[in-house]
């Protein structure tokens, strides 16, 4: 089962660490990521640029409104994501509780939704709609 692990950090906390501490933290995190990879638990992950580089999209009325910055103004911002393969939520918690990144900010762990069936049904509906449209066009030509 896949889990999305959202790592949070206070803006500037990582950047303001002494260089030796920052480098040691990165090395510990990447070493643990290598352990997760070796054990088949690391599916993917990315660090994020600071939240002030974000754009937030909202649908209002009949159009999309774009605003600068993160979705929510909070003390901590999402600093990165890690996609984890684990047996269940307890296993995901066990694995992430060993991650050195938890020492600089909290991690939120959520099961990833399996949309396979929903995607398959949507593909079928869209294929049927295209076929219906082609049939109507052929009959009116």
Protein backbone atom coordinates (compact mmCIF):
# COMPACT_ATOMS: atom_id res chain seq x y z
CA UNK A 1 0.00 0.00 0.00
CA UNK A 2 1.29 3.47 -0.84
CA UNK A 3 1.46 6.32 1.65
CA UNK A 4 2.17 9.99 1.02
CA UNK A 5 4.36 11.47 3.73
CA UNK A 6 4.26 15.25 3.92
CA UNK A 7 7.24 16.77 5.71
CA UNK A 8 6.65 20.16 7.34
CA UNK A 9 9.19 22.74 8.44
CA UNK A 10 9.18 26.31 9.66
CA UNK A 11 10.24 28.71 6.88
CA UNK A 12 13.93 29.51 7.20
CA UNK A 13 14.65 26.82 9.80
CA UNK A 14 16.67 24.60 7.46
CA UNK A 15 18.33 27.51 5.65
CA UNK A 16 19.38 29.12 8.95
CA UNK A 17 21.00 26.00 10.39
CA UNK A 18 24.78 26.14 10.64
CA UNK A 19 26.24 24.65 7.46
CA UNK A 20 27.80 21.65 9.25
CA UNK A 21 24.48 20.83 10.95
CA UNK A 22 22.56 21.28 7.69
CA UNK A 23 24.96 19.03 5.79
CA UNK A 24 24.84 16.39 8.53
CA UNK A 25 21.02 16.46 8.46
CA UNK A 26 20.93 16.04 4.68
CA UNK A 27 23.40 13.15 4.90
CA UNK A 28 21.36 11.40 7.62
CA UNK A 29 18.11 11.85 5.68
CA UNK A 30 19.56 10.60 2.40
CA UNK A 31 21.23 7.66 4.15
CA UNK A 32 17.86 6.62 5.60
CA UNK A 33 16.20 7.14 2.19
CA UNK A 34 18.79 4.68 0.82
CA UNK A 35 17.74 2.16 3.50
CA UNK A 36 14.10 2.61 2.49
CA UNK A 37 15.05 2.13 -1.19
CA UNK A 38 17.07 -1.02 -0.44
CA UNK A 39 14.14 -2.48 1.50
CA UNK A 40 11.66 -1.62 -1.27
CA UNK A 41 9.79 1.01 0.75
CA UNK A 42 10.90 4.20 -1.04
CA UNK A 43 8.68 4.89 -4.04
CA UNK A 44 9.70 8.50 -4.62
CA UNK A 45 10.07 11.89 -3.05
CA UNK A 46 10.98 15.49 -3.61
CA UNK A 47 11.99 18.46 -1.53
CA UNK A 48 10.01 21.60 -2.26
CA UNK A 49 11.21 25.12 -2.82
CA UNK A 50 10.15 27.68 -0.17
CA UNK A 51 6.42 28.32 0.12
CA UNK A 52 6.78 31.87 -1.20
CA UNK A 53 7.50 30.34 -4.63
CA UNK A 54 4.09 28.60 -4.67
CA UNK A 55 1.00 29.48 -6.69
CA UNK A 56 -2.44 28.47 -5.43
CA UNK A 57 -5.30 27.85 -7.86
CA UNK A 58 -8.95 28.21 -6.89
CA UNK A 59 -12.02 27.88 -9.05
CA UNK A 60 -14.32 30.85 -8.46
CA UNK A 61 -17.47 31.32 -10.51
CA UNK A 62 -16.54 30.24 -14.00
CA UNK A 63 -12.77 30.77 -13.90
CA UNK A 64 -9.60 29.80 -12.10
CA UNK A 65 -8.06 32.41 -9.82
CA UNK A 66 -4.29 32.24 -9.25
CA UNK A 67 -2.78 33.68 -6.08
CA UNK A 68 0.83 33.86 -5.00
CA UNK A 69 1.94 31.76 -2.06
CA UNK A 70 0.82 28.60 -0.33
CA UNK A 71 -2.76 27.47 0.17
CA UNK A 72 -2.70 28.11 3.92
CA UNK A 73 -0.87 30.65 6.02
CA UNK A 74 0.60 28.56 8.82
CA UNK A 75 3.71 28.52 10.98
CA UNK A 76 4.99 25.41 9.21
CA UNK A 77 4.91 24.81 5.46
CA UNK A 78 5.25 21.60 3.47
CA UNK A 79 8.95 21.15 2.87
CA UNK A 80 8.81 17.93 0.89
CA UNK A 81 7.00 14.73 0.11
CA UNK A 82 8.00 11.11 0.30
CA UNK A 83 6.01 8.31 -1.31
CA UNK A 84 6.33 5.20 0.83
CA UNK A 85 5.36 1.58 0.23
CA UNK A 86 4.28 -0.07 3.49
CA UNK A 87 2.07 -2.95 4.64
CA UNK A 88 -0.33 -0.63 6.47
CA UNK A 89 -0.46 2.72 8.28
CA UNK A 90 1.26 1.27 11.36
CA UNK A 91 4.16 0.06 9.22
CA UNK A 92 4.36 3.50 7.54
CA UNK A 93 4.47 5.18 10.96
CA UNK A 94 7.17 2.74 12.09
CA UNK A 95 9.29 3.47 9.02
CA UNK A 96 8.88 7.25 9.13
CA UNK A 97 9.46 7.46 12.88
CA UNK A 98 13.06 6.45 12.12
CA UNK A 99 13.50 9.18 9.48
CA UNK A 100 15.96 11.88 10.62
CA UNK A 101 13.75 14.54 9.00
CA UNK A 102 11.32 14.19 11.90
CA UNK A 103 13.87 16.02 14.06
CA UNK A 104 13.35 19.28 12.12
CA UNK A 105 9.61 19.13 11.60
CA UNK A 106 6.53 16.92 11.68
CA UNK A 107 5.51 14.42 9.01
CA UNK A 108 1.89 13.81 8.08
CA UNK A 109 1.28 10.31 6.70
CA UNK A 110 -1.78 9.62 4.55
CA UNK A 111 -2.75 6.51 2.61
CA UNK A 112 -2.68 7.18 -1.13
CA UNK A 113 -6.04 6.72 -2.81
CA UNK A 114 -6.23 3.93 -5.37
CA UNK A 115 -8.07 5.52 -8.28
CA UNK A 116 -7.51 2.63 -10.69
CA UNK A 117 -11.20 1.68 -10.87
CA UNK A 118 -12.34 5.30 -11.12
CA UNK A 119 -9.87 6.00 -13.93
CA UNK A 120 -10.93 2.85 -15.80
CA UNK A 121 -14.63 3.81 -15.52
CA UNK A 122 -13.89 7.35 -16.69
CA UNK A 123 -11.91 6.07 -19.68
CA UNK A 124 -14.85 3.85 -20.62
CA UNK A 125 -17.38 6.71 -20.32
CA UNK A 126 -15.17 9.01 -22.42
CA UNK A 127 -14.63 6.29 -25.05
CA UNK A 128 -18.40 5.73 -25.22
CA UNK A 129 -19.02 9.48 -25.55
CA UNK A 130 -16.49 9.69 -28.41
CA UNK A 131 -18.11 6.72 -30.15
CA UNK A 132 -21.57 8.28 -29.72
CA UNK A 133 -20.28 11.58 -31.11
CA UNK A 134 -18.69 9.84 -34.12
CA UNK A 135 -21.95 7.95 -34.76
CA UNK A 136 -23.97 11.19 -34.72
CA UNK A 137 -21.46 12.90 -37.01
CA UNK A 138 -21.51 9.97 -39.44
CA UNK A 139 -25.32 10.01 -39.58
CA UNK A 140 -25.50 13.77 -40.21
CA UNK A 141 -22.79 13.79 -42.87
